[in-house]
Amino acid sequence: MIDILDRVRSKALQAKIVTAEEAAAYFKPGMNVATSGFTASAYPKAVPLALAERMKKEPFTINLWTGASTGPELDDALAQVHGIGKRLPYQTDKDTAQ
């Protein structure tokens, strides 16, 4: 995990920082998940990759909603493990579009 504690001054908020793997454990089958999007700069990367790894061992799907286009760490990773039940509203990834 990257060290971001120097950027988060609140001790209460620092206590809420978890690894990508720990965050991926919060997702439940069928959950609606919304993320930001807009090319490579504004979508989550580490947590979706960890979630895809979890889905390999424990298959389930989520419904994914994004604000705009995303990239391989989100769409590819989840599509390749058949982890997306419904994808709205916008997609450019070839694995997701199939």
PDB file of N, CA and C in Angstrom:
ATOM      1  N   MET A   1       0.857  -1.183   0.000  1.00  0.00           N
ATOM      2  CA  MET A   1       0.000   0.000   0.000  1.00  0.00           C
ATOM      3  C   MET A   1       0.892   1.231   0.000  1.00  0.00           C
ATOM      4  N   ILE A   2       0.507   2.235  -0.749  1.00  0.00           N
ATOM      5  CA  ILE A   2       1.272   3.474  -0.730  1.00  0.00           C
ATOM      6  C   ILE A   2       1.093   4.158   0.614  1.00  0.00           C
ATOM      7  N   ASP A   3       2.084   4.918   1.004  1.00  0.00           N
ATOM      8  CA  ASP A   3       2.009   5.607   2.288  1.00  0.00           C
ATOM      9  C   ASP A   3       1.344   6.962   2.082  1.00  0.00           C
ATOM     10  N   ILE A   4       0.097   7.076   2.494  1.00  0.00           N
ATOM     11  CA  ILE A   4      -0.614   8.344   2.340  1.00  0.00           C
ATOM     12  C   ILE A   4      -0.906   9.002   3.682  1.00  0.00           C
ATOM     13  N   LEU A   5      -0.374   8.436   4.744  1.00  0.00           N
ATOM     14  CA  LEU A   5      -0.666   8.981   6.064  1.00  0.00           C
ATOM     15  C   LEU A   5      -0.206  10.425   6.217  1.00  0.00           C
ATOM     16  N   ASP A   6       0.842  10.811   5.485  1.00  0.00           N
ATOM     17  CA  ASP A   6       1.302  12.198   5.582  1.00  0.00           C
ATOM     18  C   ASP A   6       0.328  13.165   4.915  1.00  0.00           C
ATOM     19  N   ARG A   7      -0.553  12.660   4.057  1.00  0.00           N
ATOM     20  CA  ARG A   7      -1.540  13.523   3.394  1.00  0.00           C
ATOM     21  C   ARG A   7      -2.865  13.568   4.135  1.00  0.00           C
ATOM     22  N   VAL A   8      -3.084  12.651   5.058  1.00  0.00           N
ATOM     23  CA  VAL A   8      -4.325  12.601   5.831  1.00  0.00           C
ATOM     24  C   VAL A   8      -3.981  13.002   7.259  1.00  0.00           C
ATOM     25  N   ARG A   9      -4.371  14.182   7.636  1.00  0.00           N
ATOM     26  CA  ARG A   9      -3.976  14.707   8.947  1.00  0.00           C
ATOM     27  C   ARG A   9      -4.842  14.206  10.091  1.00  0.00           C
ATOM     28  N   SER A  10      -6.089  13.922   9.831  1.00  0.00           N
ATOM     29  CA  SER A  10      -7.015  13.492  10.876  1.00  0.00           C
ATOM     30  C   SER A  10      -6.692  12.060  11.310  1.00  0.00           C
ATOM     31  N   LYS A  11      -6.430  11.888  12.592  1.00  0.00           N
ATOM     32  CA  LYS A  11      -6.159  10.545  13.133  1.00  0.00           C
ATOM     33  C   LYS A  11      -7.379   9.628  12.961  1.00  0.00           C
ATOM     34  N   ALA A  12      -8.574  10.186  13.090  1.00  0.00           N
ATOM     35  CA  ALA A  12      -9.791   9.384  12.919  1.00  0.00           C
ATOM     36  C   ALA A  12      -9.889   8.856  11.487  1.00  0.00           C
ATOM     37  N   LEU A  13      -9.542   9.683  10.529  1.00  0.00           N
ATOM     38  CA  LEU A  13      -9.575   9.235   9.136  1.00  0.00           C
ATOM     39  C   LEU A  13      -8.422   8.299   8.821  1.00  0.00           C
ATOM     40  N   GLN A  14      -7.275   8.528   9.421  1.00  0.00           N
ATOM     41  CA  GLN A  14      -6.137   7.627   9.206  1.00  0.00           C
ATOM     42  C   GLN A  14      -6.491   6.201   9.620  1.00  0.00           C
ATOM     43  N   ALA A  15      -7.294   6.076  10.655  1.00  0.00           N
ATOM     44  CA  ALA A  15      -7.687   4.758  11.149  1.00  0.00           C
ATOM     45  C   ALA A  15      -8.589   4.017  10.169  1.00  0.00           C
ATOM     46  N   LYS A  16      -9.161   4.731   9.218  1.00  0.00           N
ATOM     47  CA  LYS A  16     -10.060   4.115   8.241  1.00  0.00           C
ATOM     48  C   LYS A  16      -9.341   3.675   6.968  1.00  0.00           C
ATOM     49  N   ILE A  17      -8.077   4.001   6.827  1.00  0.00           N
ATOM     50  CA  ILE A  17      -7.326   3.631   5.632  1.00  0.00           C
ATOM     51  C   ILE A  17      -7.016   2.139   5.683  1.00  0.00           C
ATOM     52  N   VAL A  18      -7.357   1.436   4.604  1.00  0.00           N
ATOM     53  CA  VAL A  18      -7.130  -0.006   4.515  1.00  0.00           C
ATOM     54  C   VAL A  18      -6.422  -0.330   3.207  1.00  0.00           C
ATOM     55  N   THR A  19      -5.930  -1.530   3.098  1.00  0.00           N
ATOM     56  CA  THR A  19      -5.314  -1.976   1.854  1.00  0.00           C
ATOM     57  C   THR A  19      -6.399  -2.219   0.803  1.00  0.00           C
ATOM     58  N   ALA A  20      -5.975  -2.353  -0.433  1.00  0.00           N
ATOM     59  CA  ALA A  20      -6.919  -2.651  -1.511  1.00  0.00           C
ATOM     60  C   ALA A  20      -7.617  -3.984  -1.263  1.00  0.00           C
ATOM     61  N   GLU A  21      -6.887  -4.954  -0.765  1.00  0.00           N
ATOM     62  CA  GLU A  21      -7.466  -6.272  -0.480  1.00  0.00           C
ATOM     63  C   GLU A  21      -8.512  -6.186   0.628  1.00  0.00           C
ATOM     64  N   GLU A  22      -8.241  -5.396   1.645  1.00  0.00           N
ATOM     65  CA  GLU A  22      -9.220  -5.222   2.721  1.00  0.00           C
ATOM     66  C   GLU A  22     -10.463  -4.504   2.193  1.00  0.00           C
ATOM     67  N   ALA A  23     -10.270  -3.517   1.340  1.00  0.00           N
ATOM     68  CA  ALA A  23     -11.406  -2.799   0.761  1.00  0.00           C
ATOM     69  C   ALA A  23     -12.231  -3.720  -0.126  1.00  0.00           C
ATOM     70  N   ALA A  24     -11.568  -4.591  -0.890  1.00  0.00           N
ATOM     71  CA  ALA A  24     -12.273  -5.513  -1.786  1.00  0.00           C
ATOM     72  C   ALA A  24     -13.178  -6.464  -1.008  1.00  0.00           C
ATOM     73  N   ALA A  25     -12.851  -6.727   0.238  1.00  0.00           N
ATOM     74  CA  ALA A  25     -13.664  -7.630   1.059  1.00  0.00           C
ATOM     75  C   ALA A  25     -15.023  -7.031   1.421  1.00  0.00           C
ATOM     76  N   TYR A  26     -15.182  -5.724   1.281  1.00  0.00           N
ATOM     77  CA  TYR A  26     -16.458  -5.070   1.605  1.00  0.00           C
ATOM     78  C   TYR A  26     -17.532  -5.302   0.533  1.00  0.00           C
ATOM     79  N   PHE A  27     -17.138  -5.654  -0.675  1.00  0.00           N
ATOM     80  CA  PHE A  27     -18.103  -5.812  -1.767  1.00  0.00           C
ATOM     81  C   PHE A  27     -18.903  -7.084  -1.588  1.00  0.00           C
ATOM     82  N   LYS A  28     -20.203  -6.989  -1.901  1.00  0.00           N
ATOM     83  CA  LYS A  28     -21.110  -8.130  -1.781  1.00  0.00           C
ATOM     84  C   LYS A  28     -21.700  -8.457  -3.158  1.00  0.00           C
ATOM     85  N   PRO A  29     -22.044  -9.724  -3.402  1.00  0.00           N
ATOM     86  CA  PRO A  29     -22.650 -10.103  -4.670  1.00  0.00           C
ATOM     87  C   PRO A  29     -23.880  -9.258  -4.990  1.00  0.00           C
ATOM     88  N   GLY A  30     -23.979  -8.803  -6.243  1.00  0.00           N
ATOM     89  CA  GLY A  30     -25.125  -8.028  -6.700  1.00  0.00           C
ATOM     90  C   GLY A  30     -25.099  -6.566  -6.315  1.00  0.00           C
ATOM     91  N   MET A  31     -24.089  -6.151  -5.602  1.00  0.00           N
ATOM     92  CA  MET A  31     -23.993  -4.762  -5.139  1.00  0.00           C
ATOM     93  C   MET A  31     -23.891  -3.808  -6.333  1.00  0.00           C
ATOM     94  N   ASN A  32     -24.546  -2.648  -6.221  1.00  0.00           N
ATOM     95  CA  ASN A  32     -24.382  -1.579  -7.204  1.00  0.00           C
ATOM     96  C   ASN A  32     -23.185  -0.741  -6.780  1.00  0.00           C
ATOM     97  N   VAL A  33     -22.201  -0.634  -7.655  1.00  0.00           N
ATOM     98  CA  VAL A  33     -20.962   0.076  -7.348  1.00  0.00           C
ATOM     99  C   VAL A  33     -20.801   1.220  -8.343  1.00  0.00           C
ATOM    100  N   ALA A  34     -20.668   2.426  -7.837  1.00  0.00           N
ATOM    101  CA  ALA A  34     -20.466   3.599  -8.686  1.00  0.00           C
ATOM    102  C   ALA A  34     -19.049   4.116  -8.487  1.00  0.00           C
ATOM    103  N   THR A  35     -18.395   4.449  -9.582  1.00  0.00           N
ATOM    104  CA  THR A  35     -17.052   5.021  -9.515  1.00  0.00           C
ATOM    105  C   THR A  35     -16.984   6.239 -10.423  1.00  0.00           C
ATOM    106  N   SER A  36     -15.955   6.988 -10.228  1.00  0.00           N
ATOM    107  CA  SER A  36     -15.704   8.088 -11.154  1.00  0.00           C
ATOM    108  C   SER A  36     -15.124   7.490 -12.432  1.00  0.00           C
ATOM    109  N   GLY A  37     -14.923   8.311 -13.383  1.00  0.00           N
ATOM    110  CA  GLY A  37     -14.323   7.895 -14.635  1.00  0.00           C
ATOM    111  C   GLY A  37     -13.853   9.125 -15.376  1.00  0.00           C
ATOM    112  N   PHE A  38     -13.135   8.978 -16.376  1.00  0.00           N
ATOM    113  CA  PHE A  38     -12.679  10.001 -17.304  1.00  0.00           C
ATOM    114  C   PHE A  38     -11.233   9.705 -17.627  1.00  0.00           C
ATOM    115  N   THR A  39     -11.062   8.849 -18.557  1.00  0.00           N
ATOM    116  CA  THR A  39      -9.757   8.389 -19.023  1.00  0.00           C
ATOM    117  C   THR A  39      -8.923   7.832 -17.871  1.00  0.00           C
ATOM    118  N   ALA A  40      -7.640   7.864 -18.017  1.00  0.00           N
ATOM    119  CA  ALA A  40      -6.759   7.186 -17.054  1.00  0.00           C
ATOM    120  C   ALA A  40      -6.595   7.914 -15.730  1.00  0.00           C
ATOM    121  N   SER A  41      -7.109   9.098 -15.605  1.00  0.00           N
ATOM    122  CA  SER A  41      -6.801   9.865 -14.406  1.00  0.00           C
ATOM    123  C   SER A  41      -7.817   9.769 -13.287  1.00  0.00           C
ATOM    124  N   ALA A  42      -9.020   9.328 -13.537  1.00  0.00           N
ATOM    125  CA  ALA A  42     -10.046   9.520 -12.510  1.00  0.00           C
ATOM    126  C   ALA A  42     -10.873   8.290 -12.177  1.00  0.00           C
ATOM    127  N   TYR A  43     -10.314   7.120 -12.305  1.00  0.00           N
ATOM    128  CA  TYR A  43     -11.063   5.933 -11.906  1.00  0.00           C
ATOM    129  C   TYR A  43     -10.204   5.105 -10.950  1.00  0.00           C
ATOM    130  N   PRO A  44     -10.833   4.274 -10.124  1.00  0.00           N
ATOM    131  CA  PRO A  44     -10.065   3.469  -9.172  1.00  0.00           C
ATOM    132  C   PRO A  44      -9.265   2.384  -9.884  1.00  0.00           C
ATOM    133  N   LYS A  45      -8.116   2.071  -9.322  1.00  0.00           N
ATOM    134  CA  LYS A  45      -7.247   1.078  -9.944  1.00  0.00           C
ATOM    135  C   LYS A  45      -6.907  -0.080  -9.008  1.00  0.00           C
ATOM    136  N   ALA A  46      -6.408   0.198  -7.839  1.00  0.00           N
ATOM    137  CA  ALA A  46      -5.948  -0.867  -6.935  1.00  0.00           C
ATOM    138  C   ALA A  46      -7.092  -1.723  -6.400  1.00  0.00           C
ATOM    139  N   VAL A  47      -8.180  -1.109  -5.986  1.00  0.00           N
ATOM    140  CA  VAL A  47      -9.288  -1.878  -5.404  1.00  0.00           C
ATOM    141  C   VAL A  47      -9.950  -2.786  -6.444  1.00  0.00           C
ATOM    142  N   PRO A  48     -10.239  -2.317  -7.675  1.00  0.00           N
ATOM    143  CA  PRO A  48     -10.818  -3.248  -8.652  1.00  0.00           C
ATOM    144  C   PRO A  48      -9.904  -4.430  -8.972  1.00  0.00           C
ATOM    145  N   LEU A  49      -8.605  -4.204  -9.008  1.00  0.00           N
ATOM    146  CA  LEU A  49      -7.680  -5.320  -9.253  1.00  0.00           C
ATOM    147  C   LEU A  49      -7.745  -6.324  -8.105  1.00  0.00           C
ATOM    148  N   ALA A  50      -7.799  -5.836  -6.877  1.00  0.00           N
ATOM    149  CA  ALA A  50      -7.929  -6.725  -5.720  1.00  0.00           C
ATOM    150  C   ALA A  50      -9.286  -7.438  -5.731  1.00  0.00           C
ATOM    151  N   LEU A  51     -10.324  -6.727  -6.135  1.00  0.00           N
ATOM    152  CA  LEU A  51     -11.653  -7.335  -6.221  1.00  0.00           C
ATOM    153  C   LEU A  51     -11.674  -8.435  -7.269  1.00  0.00           C
ATOM    154  N   ALA A  52     -11.034  -8.213  -8.408  1.00  0.00           N
ATOM    155  CA  ALA A  52     -10.963  -9.242  -9.452  1.00  0.00           C
ATOM    156  C   ALA A  52     -10.237 -10.488  -8.938  1.00  0.00           C
ATOM    157  N   GLU A  53      -9.178 -10.299  -8.170  1.00  0.00           N
ATOM    158  CA  GLU A  53      -8.472 -11.441  -7.576  1.00  0.00           C
ATOM    159  C   GLU A  53      -9.387 -12.208  -6.629  1.00  0.00           C
ATOM    160  N   ARG A  54     -10.165 -11.482  -5.860  1.00  0.00           N
ATOM    161  CA  ARG A  54     -11.124 -12.143  -4.949  1.00  0.00           C
ATOM    162  C   ARG A  54     -12.165 -12.912  -5.758  1.00  0.00           C
ATOM    163  N   MET A  55     -12.654 -12.312  -6.853  1.00  0.00           N
ATOM    164  CA  MET A  55     -13.688 -12.945  -7.675  1.00  0.00           C
ATOM    165  C   MET A  55     -13.188 -14.212  -8.365  1.00  0.00           C
ATOM    166  N   LYS A  56     -11.887 -14.317  -8.591  1.00  0.00           N
ATOM    167  CA  LYS A  56     -11.323 -15.544  -9.159  1.00  0.00           C
ATOM    168  C   LYS A  56     -11.523 -16.715  -8.198  1.00  0.00           C
ATOM    169  N   LYS A  57     -11.379 -16.440  -6.918  1.00  0.00           N
ATOM    170  CA  LYS A  57     -11.489 -17.488  -5.900  1.00  0.00           C
ATOM    171  C   LYS A  57     -12.921 -17.695  -5.438  1.00  0.00           C
ATOM    172  N   GLU A  58     -13.703 -16.650  -5.537  1.00  0.00           N
ATOM    173  CA  GLU A  58     -15.054 -16.592  -4.966  1.00  0.00           C
ATOM    174  C   GLU A  58     -15.957 -15.903  -5.993  1.00  0.00           C
ATOM    175  N   PRO A  59     -16.362 -16.614  -7.063  1.00  0.00           N
ATOM    176  CA  PRO A  59     -17.083 -15.958  -8.165  1.00  0.00           C
ATOM    177  C   PRO A  59     -18.396 -15.298  -7.747  1.00  0.00           C
ATOM    178  N   PHE A  60     -18.560 -14.055  -8.147  1.00  0.00           N
ATOM    179  CA  PHE A  60     -19.808 -13.308  -8.000  1.00  0.00           C
ATOM    180  C   PHE A  60     -19.727 -12.094  -8.907  1.00  0.00           C
ATOM    181  N   THR A  61     -20.847 -11.403  -9.055  1.00  0.00           N
ATOM    182  CA  THR A  61     -20.865 -10.211  -9.903  1.00  0.00           C
ATOM    183  C   THR A  61     -21.335  -8.993  -9.120  1.00  0.00           C
ATOM    184  N   ILE A  62     -20.945  -7.841  -9.626  1.00  0.00           N
ATOM    185  CA  ILE A  62     -21.444  -6.563  -9.138  1.00  0.00           C
ATOM    186  C   ILE A  62     -22.013  -5.821 -10.346  1.00  0.00           C
ATOM    187  N   ASN A  63     -22.821  -4.828 -10.100  1.00  0.00           N
ATOM    188  CA  ASN A  63     -23.300  -3.934 -11.144  1.00  0.00           C
ATOM    189  C   ASN A  63     -22.433  -2.683 -11.071  1.00  0.00           C
ATOM    190  N   LEU A  64     -21.845  -2.304 -12.196  1.00  0.00           N
ATOM    191  CA  LEU A  64     -20.859  -1.233 -12.213  1.00  0.00           C
ATOM    192  C   LEU A  64     -21.387  -0.026 -12.974  1.00  0.00           C
ATOM    193  N   TRP A  65     -21.402   1.108 -12.301  1.00  0.00           N
ATOM    194  CA  TRP A  65     -21.830   2.372 -12.893  1.00  0.00           C
ATOM    195  C   TRP A  65     -20.649   3.334 -12.821  1.00  0.00           C
ATOM    196  N   THR A  66     -20.333   3.976 -13.928  1.00  0.00           N
ATOM    197  CA  THR A  66     -19.230   4.940 -13.910  1.00  0.00           C
ATOM    198  C   THR A  66     -19.665   6.256 -14.518  1.00  0.00           C
ATOM    199  N   GLY A  67     -18.926   7.303 -14.191  1.00  0.00           N
ATOM    200  CA  GLY A  67     -19.232   8.631 -14.701  1.00  0.00           C
ATOM    201  C   GLY A  67     -18.788   8.824 -16.136  1.00  0.00           C
ATOM    202  N   ALA A  68     -17.827   8.054 -16.587  1.00  0.00           N
ATOM    203  CA  ALA A  68     -17.313   8.175 -17.957  1.00  0.00           C
ATOM    204  C   ALA A  68     -16.437   6.957 -18.225  1.00  0.00           C
ATOM    205  N   SER A  69     -15.616   7.044 -19.231  1.00  0.00           N
ATOM    206  CA  SER A  69     -14.769   5.914 -19.588  1.00  0.00           C
ATOM    207  C   SER A  69     -13.766   5.620 -18.478  1.00  0.00           C
ATOM    208  N   THR A  70     -13.370   4.361 -18.404  1.00  0.00           N
ATOM    209  CA  THR A  70     -12.369   3.938 -17.432  1.00  0.00           C
ATOM    210  C   THR A  70     -11.299   3.163 -18.187  1.00  0.00           C
ATOM    211  N   GLY A  71     -10.529   2.366 -17.495  1.00  0.00           N
ATOM    212  CA  GLY A  71      -9.446   1.649 -18.147  1.00  0.00           C
ATOM    213  C   GLY A  71      -9.337   0.215 -17.692  1.00  0.00           C
ATOM    214  N   PRO A  72      -8.228  -0.407 -18.052  1.00  0.00           N
ATOM    215  CA  PRO A  72      -8.076  -1.844 -17.838  1.00  0.00           C
ATOM    216  C   PRO A  72      -8.083  -2.290 -16.382  1.00  0.00           C
ATOM    217  N   GLU A  73      -7.632  -1.447 -15.469  1.00  0.00           N
ATOM    218  CA  GLU A  73      -7.619  -1.861 -14.072  1.00  0.00           C
ATOM    219  C   GLU A  73      -9.018  -1.997 -13.489  1.00  0.00           C
ATOM    220  N   LEU A  74     -10.001  -1.418 -14.155  1.00  0.00           N
ATOM    221  CA  LEU A  74     -11.386  -1.528 -13.684  1.00  0.00           C
ATOM    222  C   LEU A  74     -12.180  -2.436 -14.611  1.00  0.00           C
ATOM    223  N   ASP A  75     -12.462  -1.981 -15.808  1.00  0.00           N
ATOM    224  CA  ASP A  75     -13.305  -2.760 -16.726  1.00  0.00           C
ATOM    225  C   ASP A  75     -12.680  -4.092 -17.137  1.00  0.00           C
ATOM    226  N   ASP A  76     -11.445  -4.086 -17.617  1.00  0.00           N
ATOM    227  CA  ASP A  76     -10.798  -5.335 -18.052  1.00  0.00           C
ATOM    228  C   ASP A  76     -10.725  -6.339 -16.918  1.00  0.00           C
ATOM    229  N   ALA A  77     -10.219  -5.885 -15.789  1.00  0.00           N
ATOM    230  CA  ALA A  77      -9.998  -6.796 -14.665  1.00  0.00           C
ATOM    231  C   ALA A  77     -11.291  -7.490 -14.249  1.00  0.00           C
ATOM    232  N   LEU A  78     -12.362  -6.729 -14.129  1.00  0.00           N
ATOM    233  CA  LEU A  78     -13.636  -7.321 -13.691  1.00  0.00           C
ATOM    234  C   LEU A  78     -14.308  -8.129 -14.802  1.00  0.00           C
ATOM    235  N   ALA A  79     -14.199  -7.679 -16.045  1.00  0.00           N
ATOM    236  CA  ALA A  79     -14.800  -8.416 -17.160  1.00  0.00           C
ATOM    237  C   ALA A  79     -14.111  -9.760 -17.369  1.00  0.00           C
ATOM    238  N   GLN A  80     -12.821  -9.795 -17.212  1.00  0.00           N
ATOM    239  CA  GLN A  80     -12.077 -11.033 -17.452  1.00  0.00           C
ATOM    240  C   GLN A  80     -12.408 -12.126 -16.434  1.00  0.00           C
ATOM    241  N   VAL A  81     -12.895 -11.759 -15.278  1.00  0.00           N
ATOM    242  CA  VAL A  81     -13.313 -12.762 -14.283  1.00  0.00           C
ATOM    243  C   VAL A  81     -14.838 -12.893 -14.232  1.00  0.00           C
ATOM    244  N   HIS A  82     -15.509 -12.323 -15.240  1.00  0.00           N
ATOM    245  CA  HIS A  82     -16.976 -12.358 -15.331  1.00  0.00           C
ATOM    246  C   HIS A  82     -17.613 -11.788 -14.069  1.00  0.00           C
ATOM    247  N   GLY A  83     -17.031 -10.676 -13.589  1.00  0.00           N
ATOM    248  CA  GLY A  83     -17.479 -10.073 -12.348  1.00  0.00           C
ATOM    249  C   GLY A  83     -18.450  -8.924 -12.500  1.00  0.00           C
ATOM    250  N   ILE A  84     -18.856  -8.621 -13.753  1.00  0.00           N
ATOM    251  CA  ILE A  84     -19.786  -7.509 -13.975  1.00  0.00           C
ATOM    252  C   ILE A  84     -21.126  -8.068 -14.415  1.00  0.00           C
ATOM    253  N   GLY A  85     -22.149  -7.828 -13.611  1.00  0.00           N
ATOM    254  CA  GLY A  85     -23.497  -8.247 -13.980  1.00  0.00           C
ATOM    255  C   GLY A  85     -24.120  -7.271 -14.958  1.00  0.00           C
ATOM    256  N   LYS A  86     -24.077  -5.997 -14.617  1.00  0.00           N
ATOM    257  CA  LYS A  86     -24.610  -4.937 -15.467  1.00  0.00           C
ATOM    258  C   LYS A  86     -23.611  -3.792 -15.449  1.00  0.00           C
ATOM    259  N   ARG A  87     -23.375  -3.189 -16.615  1.00  0.00           N
ATOM    260  CA  ARG A  87     -22.411  -2.089 -16.726  1.00  0.00           C
ATOM    261  C   ARG A  87     -23.119  -0.892 -17.327  1.00  0.00           C
ATOM    262  N   LEU A  88     -23.170   0.205 -16.587  1.00  0.00           N
ATOM    263  CA  LEU A  88     -23.842   1.411 -17.048  1.00  0.00           C
ATOM    264  C   LEU A  88     -22.964   2.625 -16.793  1.00  0.00           C
ATOM    265  N   PRO A  89     -23.128   3.726 -17.437  1.00  0.00           N
ATOM    266  CA  PRO A  89     -23.797   3.871 -18.717  1.00  0.00           C
ATOM    267  C   PRO A  89     -22.835   3.825 -19.888  1.00  0.00           C
ATOM    268  N   TYR A  90     -21.546   3.915 -19.631  1.00  0.00           N
ATOM    269  CA  TYR A  90     -20.588   4.156 -20.703  1.00  0.00           C
ATOM    270  C   TYR A  90     -19.439   3.173 -20.610  1.00  0.00           C
ATOM    271  N   GLN A  91     -19.063   2.602 -21.757  1.00  0.00           N
ATOM    272  CA  GLN A  91     -17.925   1.692 -21.764  1.00  0.00           C
ATOM    273  C   GLN A  91     -17.170   1.778 -23.074  1.00  0.00           C
ATOM    274  N   THR A  92     -15.887   1.712 -22.986  1.00  0.00           N
ATOM    275  CA  THR A  92     -15.051   1.696 -24.179  1.00  0.00           C
ATOM    276  C   THR A  92     -14.199   0.445 -24.238  1.00  0.00           C
ATOM    277  N   ASP A  93     -14.148  -0.286 -23.168  1.00  0.00           N
ATOM    278  CA  ASP A  93     -13.297  -1.475 -23.089  1.00  0.00           C
ATOM    279  C   ASP A  93     -13.868  -2.598 -23.931  1.00  0.00           C
ATOM    280  N   LYS A  94     -13.019  -3.229 -24.748  1.00  0.00           N
ATOM    281  CA  LYS A  94     -13.503  -4.293 -25.651  1.00  0.00           C
ATOM    282  C   LYS A  94     -13.979  -5.534 -24.896  1.00  0.00           C
ATOM    283  N   ASP A  95     -13.336  -5.889 -23.782  1.00  0.00           N
ATOM    284  CA  ASP A  95     -13.779  -7.065 -23.017  1.00  0.00           C
ATOM    285  C   ASP A  95     -15.141  -6.821 -22.356  1.00  0.00           C
ATOM    286  N   THR A  96     -15.393  -5.611 -21.948  1.00  0.00           N
ATOM    287  CA  THR A  96     -16.663  -5.285 -21.303  1.00  0.00           C
ATOM    288  C   THR A  96     -17.791  -5.207 -22.322  1.00  0.00           C
ATOM    289  N   ALA A  97     -17.510  -4.697 -23.501  1.00  0.00           N
ATOM    290  CA  ALA A  97     -18.531  -4.486 -24.517  1.00  0.00           C
ATOM    291  C   ALA A  97     -19.045  -5.785 -25.118  1.00  0.00           C
ATOM    292  N   GLN A  98     -18.334  -6.872 -24.944  1.00  0.00           N
ATOM    293  CA  GLN A  98     -18.756  -8.152 -25.552  1.00  0.00           C
ATOM    294  C   GLN A  98     -19.847  -8.813 -24.763  1.00  0.00           C
TER     295      GLN A  98
END
